Amino acid sequence: MRPIRWDGKQLLLIDQLRLPEDLTWITCKTVEDVAEAIEKMKVRGAPAIGATAAYGVAIGALANVEKNKQEFQSAIEKVCDRLAKTRPTAVNLFWAINRMRSVLSRHENDDVPKIVEQLVKEAEAIAEEDVRINQSIGRNGLPYVPDHARILTHCNTGSLATVEFGTALGVVRTAHAAGKSVHVYADETRPYLQGARLTAFELSHDGIPVTVITDSMAGHLMKTGNIDLVIVGADRITANGDTANKIGTYSLAVLANYHDIPFYVAAPLSTIDFGLASGDQIVIEERSAEEVAMIAGKRIIPQGVTALHPAFDVTPHELITAIITEKGVVEKPNTERMLQLKQQ
């Protein structure tokens, strides 16, 4: 399943807000279309956001190809600034935008049509690299999945969160393809229900056994011996291995640690922000409380009652068994071990 498609001029995205009932494609013809798709979570997942933003820059470049050099460069900077404001926590967004800015810098002496061509190529390269990177993550994570594993995961980390293959679910897919018997327990992941709607949709589509549980059931399943490992994705990992992921991840890590269950994070190197020393420095996106108060357009809390909606939480590196990347696996992550990964 490839939820992000580029036709050379515009971007096609699966509208993830309408899954699993309705598989609908939306067409992004303008930069604002792309920005709104990211903001409204029609596309989500750190790698997918990065690739989508890169294509957003490409769309902006194509729209400004007739301008002179100075006007074009100014227009692209505004495009990058707009896209950078869409989601503050997912570092892949900024990584992808910076890659596009680097192209602009490297080709500053070329004419505008040549720069546009190079920006489009870079967006396409980011997307194709993501598929290969996630396949490598899957291979590197395979040894950590025993046969007959009962796996707990949170949010959605599969094709819908990337360009095609997936990070944490990429590891699950690799294990399944290798002939290992696996069964996934998918946290529903309130308030957007990415686990119930998206992870269950993907795994059932691929014929991988999956059971949806409410977020509050995880501890019970661990206590009763029904979970062998937890594997999640990440939106930002700091230099010491602290990991920001969908709200509720930290709770799972604490529970897994208490029950002596391995807790793995699967993410590409582009998700690691070596510029931040620890998770205390990560900006946590605060989304609208109405997203907690409503389900499928129906209000579920009393009028006048407030709600909170931090979109992410941070899991300290001490609670993480290993971080699985395309370049290798960092067991018992800390600053020293993470820096060794950076140097590979």
Protein backbone atom coordinates (compact mmCIF):
# COMPACT_ATOMS: atom_id res chain seq x y z
CA MET A 1 0.00 0.00 0.00
CA ARG A 2 1.45 3.33 -1.10
CA PRO A 3 -0.57 6.23 0.36
CA ILE A 4 1.53 8.97 -1.27
CA ARG A 5 1.60 9.27 -5.06
CA TRP A 6 3.20 11.93 -7.25
CA ASP A 7 2.09 12.42 -10.84
CA GLY A 8 4.77 14.96 -11.75
CA LYS A 9 2.67 18.03 -10.98
CA GLN A 10 0.40 17.27 -8.04
CA LEU A 11 0.32 15.04 -5.00
CA LEU A 12 -2.26 12.35 -4.31
CA LEU A 13 -2.82 11.28 -0.70
CA ILE A 14 -5.07 8.75 0.97
CA ASP A 15 -7.32 10.71 3.31
CA GLN A 16 -6.54 8.88 6.55
CA LEU A 17 -9.36 10.58 8.41
CA ARG A 18 -11.86 8.56 6.34
CA LEU A 19 -10.31 5.13 6.89
CA PRO A 20 -11.26 2.36 7.32
CA GLU A 21 -14.81 2.97 6.09
CA ASP A 22 -13.85 4.90 2.98
CA LEU A 23 -10.64 4.70 0.93
CA THR A 24 -10.58 8.17 -0.56
CA TRP A 25 -7.77 9.96 -2.38
CA ILE A 26 -7.33 13.71 -2.10
CA THR A 27 -5.44 15.81 -4.64
CA CYS A 28 -3.00 18.48 -3.47
CA LYS A 29 -2.50 21.01 -6.24
CA THR A 30 -1.13 23.86 -4.14
CA VAL A 31 1.22 24.35 -1.22
CA GLU A 32 -1.73 25.27 0.96
CA ASP A 33 -3.44 21.99 0.04
CA VAL A 34 -0.34 20.14 1.27
CA ALA A 35 -0.05 22.21 4.45
CA GLU A 36 -3.70 21.66 5.35
CA ALA A 37 -3.43 17.91 4.69
CA ILE A 38 -0.59 17.74 7.22
CA GLU A 39 -2.24 20.03 9.78
CA LYS A 40 -5.57 18.25 9.65
CA MET A 41 -3.87 14.83 9.84
CA LYS A 42 -5.18 13.62 6.53
CA VAL A 43 -1.58 12.49 6.20
CA ARG A 44 0.36 11.66 9.38
CA GLY A 45 3.34 9.70 10.60
CA ALA A 46 6.77 11.32 10.75
CA PRO A 47 8.29 9.82 7.56
CA ALA A 48 5.07 10.42 5.58
CA ILE A 49 4.94 14.02 6.77
CA GLY A 50 8.54 14.54 5.66
CA ALA A 51 7.96 13.15 2.17
CA THR A 52 4.70 15.07 1.82
CA ALA A 53 6.38 18.32 2.80
CA ALA A 54 9.14 17.71 0.25
CA TYR A 55 6.53 17.30 -2.46
CA GLY A 56 4.88 20.46 -1.14
CA VAL A 57 8.10 22.36 -1.85
CA ALA A 58 8.18 20.79 -5.33
CA ILE A 59 4.61 21.97 -5.96
CA GLY A 60 5.61 25.45 -4.82
CA ALA A 61 8.60 25.40 -7.16
CA LEU A 62 6.50 24.38 -10.15
CA ALA A 63 4.01 27.14 -9.38
CA ASN A 64 6.78 29.77 -9.40
CA VAL A 65 8.85 28.57 -12.35
CA GLU A 66 8.06 31.68 -14.41
CA LYS A 67 9.51 34.09 -11.83
CA ASN A 68 12.99 35.57 -11.92
CA LYS A 69 15.70 34.11 -9.72
CA GLN A 70 15.29 36.46 -6.77
CA GLU A 71 11.50 36.24 -6.76
CA PHE A 72 11.67 32.46 -7.07
CA GLN A 73 14.06 32.03 -4.16
CA SER A 74 11.94 34.30 -1.99
CA ALA A 75 8.80 32.36 -2.92
CA ILE A 76 10.40 29.00 -2.04
CA GLU A 77 11.54 30.30 1.33
CA LYS A 78 7.95 31.31 2.07
CA VAL A 79 6.80 27.84 0.99
CA CYS A 80 9.31 26.21 3.35
CA ASP A 81 8.27 28.49 6.21
CA ARG A 82 4.59 27.67 5.68
CA LEU A 83 5.17 23.93 5.65
CA ALA A 84 7.47 24.09 8.69
CA LYS A 85 4.60 25.51 10.77
CA THR A 86 2.27 22.57 10.19
CA ARG A 87 3.46 20.10 12.90
CA PRO A 88 6.13 21.12 15.47
CA THR A 89 7.14 17.74 16.93
CA ALA A 90 7.84 15.49 13.92
CA VAL A 91 11.49 16.14 13.12
CA ASN A 92 11.26 14.47 9.68
CA LEU A 93 9.24 17.49 8.56
CA PHE A 94 12.15 19.84 9.21
CA TRP A 95 14.71 17.33 7.93
CA ALA A 96 12.92 17.08 4.59
CA ILE A 97 12.45 20.84 4.28
CA ASN A 98 16.14 21.40 5.04
CA ARG A 99 17.06 18.91 2.32
CA MET A 100 14.98 20.89 -0.14
CA ARG A 101 16.60 24.13 1.02
CA SER A 102 20.02 22.54 0.47
CA VAL A 103 19.09 21.84 -3.14
CA LEU A 104 18.11 25.47 -3.56
CA SER A 105 21.49 26.52 -2.15
CA ARG A 106 23.54 24.07 -4.24
CA HIS A 107 21.89 25.20 -7.46
CA GLU A 108 21.73 28.92 -6.74
CA ASN A 109 23.76 29.65 -9.89
CA ASP A 110 21.43 27.66 -12.16
CA ASP A 111 18.44 29.13 -13.94
CA VAL A 112 15.00 28.75 -12.39
CA PRO A 113 13.75 25.85 -14.56
CA LYS A 114 16.88 23.86 -13.67
CA ILE A 115 16.36 24.54 -9.95
CA VAL A 116 12.74 23.46 -10.22
CA GLU A 117 13.82 20.24 -11.91
CA GLN A 118 16.30 19.52 -9.12
CA LEU A 119 13.75 20.24 -6.38
CA VAL A 120 11.28 17.81 -7.93
CA LYS A 121 14.00 15.16 -8.22
CA GLU A 122 14.94 15.65 -4.57
CA ALA A 123 11.34 15.18 -3.42
CA GLU A 124 11.12 12.00 -5.46
CA ALA A 125 14.44 10.82 -4.01
CA ILE A 126 13.25 11.43 -0.43
CA ALA A 127 10.17 9.30 -1.10
CA GLU A 128 12.04 6.42 -2.70
CA GLU A 129 14.75 6.48 -0.03
CA ASP A 130 12.08 6.16 2.63
CA VAL A 131 10.90 2.84 1.20
CA ARG A 132 14.43 1.41 1.13
CA ILE A 133 15.20 2.74 4.61
CA ASN A 134 12.10 1.17 6.11
CA GLN A 135 12.87 -2.16 4.49
CA SER A 136 16.32 -2.00 6.13
CA ILE A 137 14.72 -1.20 9.49
CA GLY A 138 12.55 -4.27 9.05
CA ARG A 139 15.57 -6.49 8.37
CA ASN A 140 17.49 -5.07 11.34
CA GLY A 141 14.52 -5.59 13.62
CA LEU A 142 13.83 -9.17 12.52
CA PRO A 143 16.16 -10.84 15.08
CA TYR A 144 14.25 -9.14 17.91
CA VAL A 145 10.94 -10.78 16.98
CA PRO A 146 10.71 -14.40 18.16
CA ASP A 147 8.49 -16.92 16.46
CA HIS A 148 4.93 -16.95 17.83
CA ALA A 149 5.47 -13.41 19.15
CA ARG A 150 2.55 -11.50 20.60
CA ILE A 151 3.34 -7.89 19.78
CA LEU A 152 1.80 -4.75 21.25
CA THR A 153 2.00 -1.60 19.16
CA HIS A 154 0.66 1.92 19.51
CA CYS A 155 -0.67 4.39 16.94
CA ASN A 156 0.13 3.57 13.31
CA THR A 157 3.64 2.98 12.01
CA GLY A 158 3.01 1.17 8.75
CA SER A 159 2.56 2.09 5.12
CA LEU A 160 0.13 4.84 6.04
CA ALA A 161 2.72 6.50 8.28
CA THR A 162 5.50 6.30 5.69
CA VAL A 163 5.75 6.27 1.92
CA GLU A 164 5.03 2.58 1.63
CA PHE A 165 6.53 -0.05 3.98
CA GLY A 166 6.52 1.15 7.57
CA THR A 167 8.85 1.43 10.57
CA ALA A 168 7.57 -0.55 13.57
CA LEU A 169 4.99 -2.30 11.40
CA GLY A 170 7.76 -2.75 8.84
CA VAL A 171 9.50 -4.95 11.41
CA VAL A 172 6.26 -6.88 11.89
CA ARG A 173 5.81 -7.25 8.12
CA THR A 174 9.37 -8.51 7.75
CA ALA A 175 8.85 -11.09 10.49
CA HIS A 176 5.61 -12.25 8.89
CA ALA A 177 7.25 -12.50 5.46
CA ALA A 178 10.09 -14.52 7.00
CA GLY A 179 7.58 -17.14 8.08
CA LYS A 180 7.38 -16.20 11.74
CA SER A 181 4.00 -16.53 13.39
CA VAL A 182 3.10 -13.16 14.89
CA HIS A 183 -0.04 -11.70 16.41
CA VAL A 184 -0.37 -7.95 16.86
CA TYR A 185 -2.35 -6.23 19.59
CA ALA A 186 -3.12 -2.70 18.37
CA ASP A 187 -3.91 -0.03 20.94
CA GLU A 188 -6.87 1.96 19.67
CA THR A 189 -4.84 5.17 20.25
CA ARG A 190 -7.26 7.89 21.24
CA PRO A 191 -8.25 10.48 20.24
CA TYR A 192 -7.68 9.83 16.52
CA LEU A 193 -7.88 6.03 16.84
CA GLN A 194 -4.92 5.44 14.54
CA GLY A 195 -4.45 1.97 15.96
CA ALA A 196 -8.07 0.89 15.68
CA ARG A 197 -8.65 2.51 12.29
CA LEU A 198 -5.30 2.40 10.50
CA THR A 199 -3.07 -0.29 12.02
CA ALA A 200 -5.91 -2.81 12.07
CA PHE A 201 -6.81 -1.83 8.49
CA GLU A 202 -3.25 -2.37 7.23
CA LEU A 203 -2.56 -5.63 9.04
CA SER A 204 -5.88 -7.21 8.13
CA HIS A 205 -5.28 -6.17 4.52
CA ASP A 206 -1.92 -7.99 4.65
CA GLY A 207 -3.30 -11.08 6.35
CA ILE A 208 -1.39 -10.51 9.58
CA PRO A 209 -3.42 -11.47 12.69
CA VAL A 210 -4.41 -8.37 14.66
CA THR A 211 -6.59 -7.69 17.68
CA VAL A 212 -7.66 -4.17 18.66
CA ILE A 213 -7.62 -3.29 22.36
CA THR A 214 -8.54 -0.13 24.21
CA ASP A 215 -5.58 1.92 25.42
CA SER A 216 -6.36 1.00 29.02
CA MET A 217 -6.12 -2.76 28.41
CA ALA A 218 -2.35 -2.89 27.81
CA GLY A 219 -1.34 -3.35 31.45
CA HIS A 220 -3.79 -6.21 31.92
CA LEU A 221 -2.48 -8.05 28.86
CA MET A 222 1.09 -7.65 30.07
CA LYS A 223 0.25 -8.85 33.57
CA THR A 224 -1.55 -11.92 32.25
CA GLY A 225 1.40 -12.92 30.06
CA ASN A 226 -0.15 -12.12 26.68
CA ILE A 227 2.49 -9.70 25.39
CA ASP A 228 6.04 -10.71 24.39
CA LEU A 229 7.31 -7.35 23.17
CA VAL A 230 6.24 -3.79 22.47
CA ILE A 231 7.35 -1.99 19.32
CA VAL A 232 6.49 1.59 18.44
CA GLY A 233 7.62 4.29 16.06
CA ALA A 234 8.88 7.79 16.83
CA ASP A 235 8.34 11.39 15.79
CA ARG A 236 11.58 12.69 17.29
CA ILE A 237 14.48 11.00 19.07
CA THR A 238 17.08 13.07 20.89
CA ALA A 239 20.83 12.54 21.16
CA ASN A 240 20.51 10.45 24.33
CA GLY A 241 17.75 8.23 22.96
CA ASP A 242 14.74 9.91 24.60
CA THR A 243 11.83 9.40 22.23
CA ALA A 244 8.75 11.46 21.45
CA ASN A 245 5.88 9.43 20.06
CA LYS A 246 2.09 9.47 20.06
CA ILE A 247 0.58 10.28 23.45
CA GLY A 248 0.26 7.09 25.47
CA THR A 249 3.64 5.64 24.45
CA TYR A 250 5.33 6.61 27.71
CA SER A 251 2.68 4.74 29.71
CA LEU A 252 3.35 1.59 27.68
CA ALA A 253 7.08 1.90 28.29
CA VAL A 254 6.56 2.17 32.05
CA LEU A 255 4.26 -0.86 32.01
CA ALA A 256 6.64 -2.88 29.86
CA ASN A 257 9.56 -2.05 32.12
CA TYR A 258 7.58 -3.13 35.21
CA HIS A 259 6.63 -6.44 33.57
CA ASP A 260 10.12 -7.06 32.14
CA ILE A 261 8.88 -6.93 28.54
CA PRO A 262 11.21 -5.62 25.80
CA PHE A 263 10.26 -2.17 24.52
CA TYR A 264 11.57 -1.31 21.05
CA VAL A 265 11.50 1.88 18.99
CA ALA A 266 11.80 1.58 15.20
CA ALA A 267 12.65 4.75 13.28
CA PRO A 268 14.90 6.06 10.50
CA LEU A 269 18.02 8.09 11.27
CA SER A 270 16.18 11.16 9.95
CA THR A 271 13.98 10.98 13.06
CA ILE A 272 16.99 11.39 15.35
CA ASP A 273 17.60 15.02 16.30
CA PHE A 274 21.21 15.09 17.44
CA GLY A 275 20.83 18.81 18.06
CA LEU A 276 18.72 18.11 21.16
CA ALA A 277 20.49 16.61 24.16
CA SER A 278 17.41 15.13 25.80
CA GLY A 279 13.65 14.81 25.56
CA ASP A 280 13.16 17.77 27.89
CA GLN A 281 13.94 20.00 24.90
CA ILE A 282 11.31 18.52 22.57
CA VAL A 283 8.40 20.81 21.74
CA ILE A 284 5.17 18.88 22.29
CA GLU A 285 2.39 19.77 19.89
CA GLU A 286 -0.83 20.81 21.63
CA ARG A 287 -3.82 20.09 19.44
CA SER A 288 -7.41 21.21 19.78
CA ALA A 289 -9.29 19.91 22.83
CA GLU A 290 -12.29 19.41 20.54
CA GLU A 291 -10.46 16.45 18.99
CA VAL A 292 -10.70 14.76 22.40
CA ALA A 293 -14.23 15.93 23.06
CA MET A 294 -15.59 14.59 19.77
CA ILE A 295 -15.70 11.19 18.07
CA ALA A 296 -17.02 10.95 14.51
CA GLY A 297 -18.63 14.36 14.85
CA LYS A 298 -20.45 13.51 18.07
CA ARG A 299 -19.55 15.19 21.35
CA ILE A 300 -18.77 12.63 24.07
CA ILE A 301 -18.11 14.94 27.04
CA PRO A 302 -20.54 17.40 28.62
CA GLN A 303 -20.79 20.92 27.29
CA GLY A 304 -18.64 23.29 29.33
CA VAL A 305 -16.17 20.57 30.39
CA THR A 306 -12.62 21.13 29.21
CA ALA A 307 -10.23 18.57 27.71
CA LEU A 308 -6.49 18.32 27.13
CA HIS A 309 -4.79 17.18 23.95
CA PRO A 310 -1.00 16.97 23.98
CA ALA A 311 -0.38 14.98 20.79
CA PHE A 312 2.84 13.34 21.99
CA ASP A 313 4.70 12.29 25.10
CA VAL A 314 8.38 11.53 25.71
CA THR A 315 9.73 8.14 26.75
CA PRO A 316 13.07 8.35 28.61
CA HIS A 317 15.85 6.31 27.04
CA GLU A 318 16.23 4.26 30.24
CA LEU A 319 12.90 2.58 29.45
CA ILE A 320 13.85 1.66 25.87
CA THR A 321 15.35 -1.77 25.22
CA ALA A 322 16.68 -0.83 21.77
CA ILE A 323 16.24 1.68 18.96
CA ILE A 324 16.10 0.00 15.55
CA THR A 325 17.28 2.07 12.56
CA GLU A 326 18.34 1.40 8.98
CA LYS A 327 22.00 1.70 9.99
CA GLY A 328 21.85 -0.65 12.93
CA VAL A 329 20.36 -1.20 16.38
CA VAL A 330 21.26 0.75 19.51
CA GLU A 331 20.64 -1.43 22.55
CA LYS A 332 20.21 0.31 25.91
CA PRO A 333 20.45 3.69 24.20
CA ASN A 334 22.37 6.57 25.72
CA THR A 335 24.29 9.53 24.32
CA GLU A 336 27.51 7.60 23.74
CA ARG A 337 25.81 4.73 21.91
CA MET A 338 23.62 7.07 19.88
CA LEU A 339 26.68 9.03 18.70
CA GLN A 340 28.30 5.78 17.59
CA LEU A 341 25.26 5.19 15.40
CA LYS A 342 25.60 8.67 13.92
CA GLN A 343 29.19 7.92 12.91
CA GLN A 344 28.32 4.75 10.99
